[in-house]
Amino acid sequence: MSFFIQLVVSGFALGMVYALIAIGFVIILKCSQAFNIAQGQFVMIGGYLGFTFLVTFHLPVWASILAAIAVAIVMGLLIERLTLRPLVGKPVLAIIMMTIALGAILDGLATLIWGGEYKTYHGVLPTLSLSIGGISVPSETLIGVIVAIVVVAILMIIFRYTKSGLAMMATAEDEQVVQSAGIRVTTVYALSWVIACVTGVISGILLGGVSGVMIPMSEIGLKAFAVVLLGGIDSIGGAIVAGIILGVLENVAAGYLDPLLSGGGVAHVFPFIVMIIVLIFRPHGLFGLRRIERI
């Protein structure tokens, strides 16, 4: 029983990071009605930034996180202004193709800057320990849970109680009404891309502290895609719940199913199995709005 609880606790920590990545997905989707395929690359860049600031520059953790957030803000503003703003009013497919190209460019930049090599910064983060009975939470995992919960709470406060957050929610519902109210939609788009970059970078730092970072780390964006579909593509709260569910299920599968199979690897494909099931039986997700269109 203690082994199962240990898997659930670790899965909860992983799920909170998934939820953080998925929120970036949902924000872009609600504002532009397009999937940001490059969200996984934001996570990978965050991992490399964590290595750079923590190991190369030997900055304190708080300074490293602030520096990474600053880089993410600049990156989000540049991406929106140079690549996405010229596509305003264009078909959604054009935006999706642009994010695919953007992901390839970020992969190339990461290879150019960091050599595409495996980097790790285990033991650099502060040492925290939590033990309850026979259940122990590793330091990096505990820090990941704390940071993810704090960031998610801050984002929820922004969306519900600030003018910028309310403008983003209104833009997601009806862009023309927002424009008639005097709100600049381009500013809302820029803010949404900044949030997507910041959530991705912070998630990358947290994951890099646990498992290290390399170019294939960007594939985690596909797992976040499964989280978005499970929670509902237009639900931020659904992304949080679905992230926790998938994180726990993936970790439990890794603990019980992988050792029984010679090749293992069930945990890595588990989110995609869930994604297929959701698409077949509940395509609008757990908390998404059911839409009926007349043909």
Protein backbone atom coordinates (compact mmCIF):
# COMPACT_ATOMS: atom_id res chain seq x y z
CA MET A 1 0.00 0.00 0.00
CA SER A 2 2.82 2.38 0.83
CA PHE A 3 4.31 1.78 -2.63
CA PHE A 4 1.00 2.74 -4.25
CA ILE A 5 0.73 5.92 -2.16
CA GLN A 6 4.32 6.78 -3.05
CA LEU A 7 3.45 6.47 -6.75
CA VAL A 8 0.34 8.62 -6.30
CA VAL A 9 2.28 11.37 -4.52
CA SER A 10 4.99 11.43 -7.17
CA GLY A 11 2.32 11.31 -9.87
CA PHE A 12 0.55 14.29 -8.30
CA ALA A 13 3.79 16.27 -8.52
CA LEU A 14 4.23 15.30 -12.17
CA GLY A 15 0.58 16.08 -12.85
CA MET A 16 0.91 19.62 -11.49
CA VAL A 17 3.74 20.26 -13.94
CA TYR A 18 1.60 18.80 -16.75
CA ALA A 19 -1.20 21.13 -15.67
CA LEU A 20 1.13 24.12 -15.78
CA ILE A 21 2.17 23.26 -19.33
CA ALA A 22 -1.44 22.62 -20.35
CA ILE A 23 -2.55 26.03 -19.09
CA GLY A 24 -0.25 27.61 -21.67
CA PHE A 25 -1.93 25.44 -24.31
CA VAL A 26 -5.42 26.47 -23.20
CA ILE A 27 -4.62 30.19 -23.04
CA ILE A 28 -3.40 30.27 -26.65
CA LEU A 29 -6.27 28.08 -27.79
CA LYS A 30 -8.91 30.26 -26.12
CA CYS A 31 -7.49 33.46 -27.63
CA SER A 32 -6.59 32.33 -31.15
CA GLN A 33 -8.55 29.06 -31.57
CA ALA A 34 -5.28 27.36 -32.60
CA PHE A 35 -3.11 24.74 -30.93
CA ASN A 36 0.38 25.92 -30.00
CA ILE A 37 2.49 22.98 -31.17
CA ALA A 38 5.63 24.75 -29.90
CA GLN A 39 4.59 24.59 -26.22
CA GLY A 40 6.87 21.60 -25.68
CA GLN A 41 9.81 23.61 -27.05
CA PHE A 42 9.11 26.31 -24.46
CA VAL A 43 9.48 23.61 -21.79
CA MET A 44 12.76 22.41 -23.30
CA ILE A 45 14.12 25.97 -23.46
CA GLY A 46 13.15 26.41 -19.81
CA GLY A 47 15.19 23.35 -18.84
CA TYR A 48 18.25 24.67 -20.63
CA LEU A 49 17.77 28.12 -19.07
CA GLY A 50 17.64 26.47 -15.65
CA PHE A 51 20.96 24.74 -16.35
CA THR A 52 22.50 27.98 -17.65
CA PHE A 53 21.53 30.16 -14.71
CA LEU A 54 21.95 27.57 -11.95
CA VAL A 55 25.08 25.74 -13.11
CA THR A 56 26.88 27.96 -15.62
CA PHE A 57 26.28 31.33 -13.90
CA HIS A 58 25.90 29.89 -10.36
CA LEU A 59 22.93 32.14 -9.59
CA PRO A 60 20.72 31.51 -6.56
CA VAL A 61 17.50 29.63 -7.26
CA TRP A 62 15.27 32.68 -6.84
CA ALA A 63 17.48 34.76 -9.15
CA SER A 64 17.60 31.94 -11.71
CA ILE A 65 13.80 31.66 -11.77
CA LEU A 66 13.39 35.44 -12.14
CA ALA A 67 16.00 35.55 -14.91
CA ALA A 68 14.30 32.65 -16.73
CA ILE A 69 10.91 34.38 -16.41
CA ALA A 70 12.41 37.58 -17.84
CA VAL A 71 13.77 35.64 -20.82
CA ALA A 72 10.37 33.95 -21.25
CA ILE A 73 8.58 37.32 -21.27
CA VAL A 74 10.91 38.69 -23.95
CA MET A 75 10.59 35.47 -25.95
CA GLY A 76 6.79 35.60 -25.77
CA LEU A 77 6.66 39.23 -26.88
CA LEU A 78 9.04 38.62 -29.79
CA ILE A 79 7.19 35.51 -30.94
CA GLU A 80 3.83 37.25 -30.89
CA ARG A 81 5.06 40.43 -32.56
CA LEU A 82 7.25 38.91 -35.28
CA THR A 83 5.50 35.67 -36.17
CA LEU A 84 1.90 35.62 -34.96
CA ARG A 85 0.64 39.19 -35.27
CA PRO A 86 1.05 39.22 -39.08
CA LEU A 87 -1.32 36.22 -39.14
CA VAL A 88 -4.21 37.97 -37.36
CA GLY A 89 -7.31 37.40 -39.46
CA LYS A 90 -5.71 34.54 -41.38
CA PRO A 91 -7.04 30.94 -41.27
CA VAL A 92 -6.38 28.97 -38.09
CA LEU A 93 -4.35 26.45 -40.09
CA ALA A 94 -1.82 29.18 -40.90
CA ILE A 95 -1.29 29.84 -37.17
CA ILE A 96 -0.89 26.13 -36.43
CA MET A 97 1.68 25.76 -39.22
CA MET A 98 3.53 28.78 -37.85
CA THR A 99 3.75 27.17 -34.39
CA ILE A 100 5.11 23.99 -35.99
CA ALA A 101 7.79 26.04 -37.75
CA LEU A 102 8.45 27.90 -34.51
CA GLY A 103 9.03 24.61 -32.70
CA ALA A 104 11.57 23.52 -35.29
CA ILE A 105 13.37 26.87 -35.02
CA LEU A 106 13.56 26.61 -31.21
CA ASP A 107 14.94 23.07 -31.51
CA GLY A 108 17.63 24.39 -33.84
CA LEU A 109 18.47 27.32 -31.57
CA ALA A 110 18.76 25.01 -28.55
CA THR A 111 21.12 22.76 -30.50
CA LEU A 112 23.14 25.77 -31.62
CA ILE A 113 23.42 27.35 -28.15
CA TRP A 114 23.65 24.32 -25.85
CA GLY A 115 24.89 21.72 -28.32
CA GLY A 116 21.80 19.57 -27.87
CA GLU A 117 23.61 17.65 -25.12
CA TYR A 118 22.05 16.16 -22.03
CA LYS A 119 22.32 18.66 -19.16
CA THR A 120 21.51 18.09 -15.53
CA TYR A 121 21.46 20.13 -12.35
CA HIS A 122 20.57 17.54 -9.73
CA GLY A 123 21.45 18.66 -6.24
CA VAL A 124 21.55 22.36 -7.16
CA LEU A 125 18.03 23.08 -5.96
CA PRO A 126 17.47 23.61 -2.22
CA THR A 127 17.17 20.49 -0.12
CA LEU A 128 13.70 19.95 1.29
CA SER A 129 12.35 16.73 2.69
CA LEU A 130 8.90 15.48 3.56
CA SER A 131 8.25 12.11 5.13
CA ILE A 132 4.88 10.86 6.31
CA GLY A 133 5.03 7.34 7.66
CA GLY A 134 6.77 5.27 5.02
CA ILE A 135 6.12 7.84 2.30
CA SER A 136 8.98 10.17 1.36
CA VAL A 137 8.94 12.94 -1.24
CA PRO A 138 12.25 13.71 -3.02
CA SER A 139 13.54 17.27 -2.73
CA GLU A 140 13.18 18.15 -6.44
CA THR A 141 9.68 16.70 -6.54
CA LEU A 142 8.55 18.62 -3.46
CA ILE A 143 9.94 21.89 -4.84
CA GLY A 144 8.19 21.18 -8.13
CA VAL A 145 4.84 20.72 -6.39
CA ILE A 146 5.23 23.93 -4.36
CA VAL A 147 6.28 26.07 -7.33
CA ALA A 148 3.62 24.61 -9.63
CA ILE A 149 0.84 25.19 -7.08
CA VAL A 150 1.99 28.77 -6.46
CA VAL A 151 2.19 29.59 -10.19
CA VAL A 152 -1.21 28.02 -10.92
CA ALA A 153 -2.76 29.95 -8.01
CA ILE A 154 -1.26 33.23 -9.29
CA LEU A 155 -2.59 32.57 -12.79
CA MET A 156 -6.08 31.81 -11.48
CA ILE A 157 -6.06 35.07 -9.52
CA ILE A 158 -4.95 36.97 -12.63
CA PHE A 159 -7.69 35.45 -14.77
CA ARG A 160 -10.46 36.09 -12.25
CA TYR A 161 -9.60 39.38 -10.55
CA THR A 162 -7.43 41.54 -12.83
CA LYS A 163 -8.47 43.66 -15.80
CA SER A 164 -5.93 41.95 -18.06
CA GLY A 165 -7.19 38.50 -17.09
CA LEU A 166 -10.82 39.48 -17.59
CA ALA A 167 -9.90 40.97 -20.97
CA MET A 168 -8.32 37.65 -21.96
CA MET A 169 -11.43 35.74 -20.93
CA ALA A 170 -13.66 38.20 -22.80
CA THR A 171 -11.51 37.99 -25.93
CA ALA A 172 -11.84 34.24 -25.86
CA GLU A 173 -15.64 34.59 -25.89
CA ASP A 174 -16.14 37.31 -28.52
CA GLU A 175 -13.31 39.26 -30.13
CA GLN A 176 -15.56 41.81 -31.84
CA VAL A 177 -17.37 42.74 -28.63
CA VAL A 178 -14.01 43.25 -26.89
CA GLN A 179 -12.80 45.53 -29.68
CA SER A 180 -16.00 47.56 -29.48
CA ALA A 181 -15.31 48.02 -25.75
CA GLY A 182 -11.96 49.65 -26.54
CA ILE A 183 -9.72 46.73 -25.59
CA ARG A 184 -6.75 46.15 -27.89
CA VAL A 185 -6.91 42.56 -29.00
CA THR A 186 -3.24 42.57 -30.05
CA THR A 187 -2.28 43.38 -26.45
CA VAL A 188 -4.36 40.46 -25.22
CA TYR A 189 -2.67 38.16 -27.74
CA ALA A 190 0.76 39.34 -26.62
CA LEU A 191 -0.14 38.70 -22.97
CA SER A 192 -1.41 35.20 -23.81
CA TRP A 193 1.87 34.28 -25.52
CA VAL A 194 3.86 35.70 -22.62
CA ILE A 195 1.89 33.51 -20.20
CA ALA A 196 2.37 30.46 -22.44
CA CYS A 197 6.14 31.05 -22.54
CA VAL A 198 6.39 31.69 -18.79
CA THR A 199 4.42 28.56 -17.84
CA GLY A 200 6.46 26.48 -20.28
CA VAL A 201 9.80 27.80 -19.04
CA ILE A 202 8.95 27.32 -15.37
CA SER A 203 7.77 23.78 -16.11
CA GLY A 204 11.04 23.10 -17.93
CA ILE A 205 13.08 24.26 -14.94
CA LEU A 206 11.09 21.98 -12.61
CA LEU A 207 11.34 18.95 -14.90
CA GLY A 208 15.02 19.61 -15.60
CA GLY A 209 15.76 19.51 -11.89
CA VAL A 210 14.24 16.01 -11.70
CA SER A 211 15.25 14.29 -14.93
CA GLY A 212 17.69 16.64 -16.69
CA VAL A 213 17.12 18.28 -20.04
CA MET A 214 17.84 17.48 -23.68
CA ILE A 215 16.23 18.23 -27.06
CA PRO A 216 13.68 15.35 -26.96
CA MET A 217 12.28 16.93 -23.80
CA SER A 218 10.13 19.03 -26.13
CA GLU A 219 8.00 15.94 -26.77
CA ILE A 220 6.37 16.50 -23.39
CA GLY A 221 4.22 19.07 -25.17
CA LEU A 222 2.34 16.15 -26.74
CA LYS A 223 1.54 14.81 -23.27
CA ALA A 224 0.24 18.23 -22.30
CA PHE A 225 -1.89 18.05 -25.44
CA ALA A 226 -3.48 14.90 -24.00
CA VAL A 227 -4.10 16.78 -20.74
CA VAL A 228 -5.88 19.57 -22.61
CA LEU A 229 -8.13 17.13 -24.45
CA LEU A 230 -8.99 15.26 -21.26
CA GLY A 231 -9.78 18.39 -19.26
CA GLY A 232 -11.56 20.22 -22.09
CA ILE A 233 -9.86 22.46 -24.61
CA ASP A 234 -11.53 25.61 -23.26
CA SER A 235 -11.26 24.91 -19.51
CA ILE A 236 -8.33 26.12 -17.40
CA GLY A 237 -9.67 24.34 -14.32
CA GLY A 238 -10.11 21.21 -16.41
CA ALA A 239 -6.44 21.38 -17.44
CA ILE A 240 -5.42 21.36 -13.76
CA VAL A 241 -7.64 18.40 -12.86
CA ALA A 242 -6.70 16.46 -16.00
CA GLY A 243 -3.00 17.12 -15.43
CA ILE A 244 -3.20 15.58 -11.97
CA ILE A 245 -5.21 12.60 -13.25
CA LEU A 246 -2.79 11.83 -16.08
CA GLY A 247 0.27 12.38 -13.88
CA VAL A 248 -1.00 9.90 -11.29
CA LEU A 249 -2.11 7.33 -13.88
CA GLU A 250 1.20 7.55 -15.74
CA ASN A 251 3.22 7.11 -12.57
CA VAL A 252 1.11 4.18 -11.37
CA ALA A 253 1.46 2.54 -14.80
CA ALA A 254 5.22 3.02 -14.61
CA GLY A 255 5.32 1.42 -11.16
CA TYR A 256 3.10 -1.59 -11.81
CA LEU A 257 2.97 -2.29 -15.56
CA ASP A 258 6.47 -1.45 -16.80
CA PRO A 259 8.23 -3.99 -14.51
CA LEU A 260 5.93 -6.73 -15.86
CA LEU A 261 6.88 -6.06 -19.48
CA SER A 262 10.32 -6.83 -20.85
CA GLY A 263 10.40 -3.70 -22.97
CA GLY A 264 8.54 -1.43 -20.55
CA GLY A 265 7.59 1.99 -21.84
CA VAL A 266 3.87 1.73 -21.03
CA ALA A 267 4.03 4.88 -18.92
CA HIS A 268 5.27 6.94 -21.86
CA VAL A 269 2.39 5.98 -24.12
CA PHE A 270 -0.29 5.94 -21.40
CA PRO A 271 -1.32 9.61 -21.86
CA PHE A 272 -1.85 8.99 -25.56
CA ILE A 273 -4.00 5.94 -24.85
CA VAL A 274 -6.13 8.14 -22.61
CA MET A 275 -6.22 10.82 -25.35
CA ILE A 276 -7.57 8.31 -27.91
CA ILE A 277 -10.25 7.08 -25.49
CA VAL A 278 -11.32 10.66 -24.73
CA LEU A 279 -11.53 11.57 -28.42
CA ILE A 280 -13.74 8.55 -29.09
CA PHE A 281 -16.14 8.70 -26.15
CA ARG A 282 -16.02 12.30 -24.85
CA PRO A 283 -14.41 14.60 -27.44
CA HIS A 284 -15.30 17.75 -25.49
CA GLY A 285 -13.35 16.52 -22.44
CA LEU A 286 -14.34 16.31 -18.79
CA PHE A 287 -15.07 20.00 -18.31
CA GLY A 288 -15.21 21.36 -21.86
CA LEU A 289 -18.33 22.86 -23.40
CA ARG A 290 -20.37 20.55 -25.58
CA ARG A 291 -20.87 22.30 -28.92
CA ILE A 292 -23.52 21.29 -31.44
CA GLU A 293 -23.16 22.69 -34.95
CA ARG A 294 -25.85 22.57 -37.61
CA ILE A 295 -24.77 21.55 -41.07
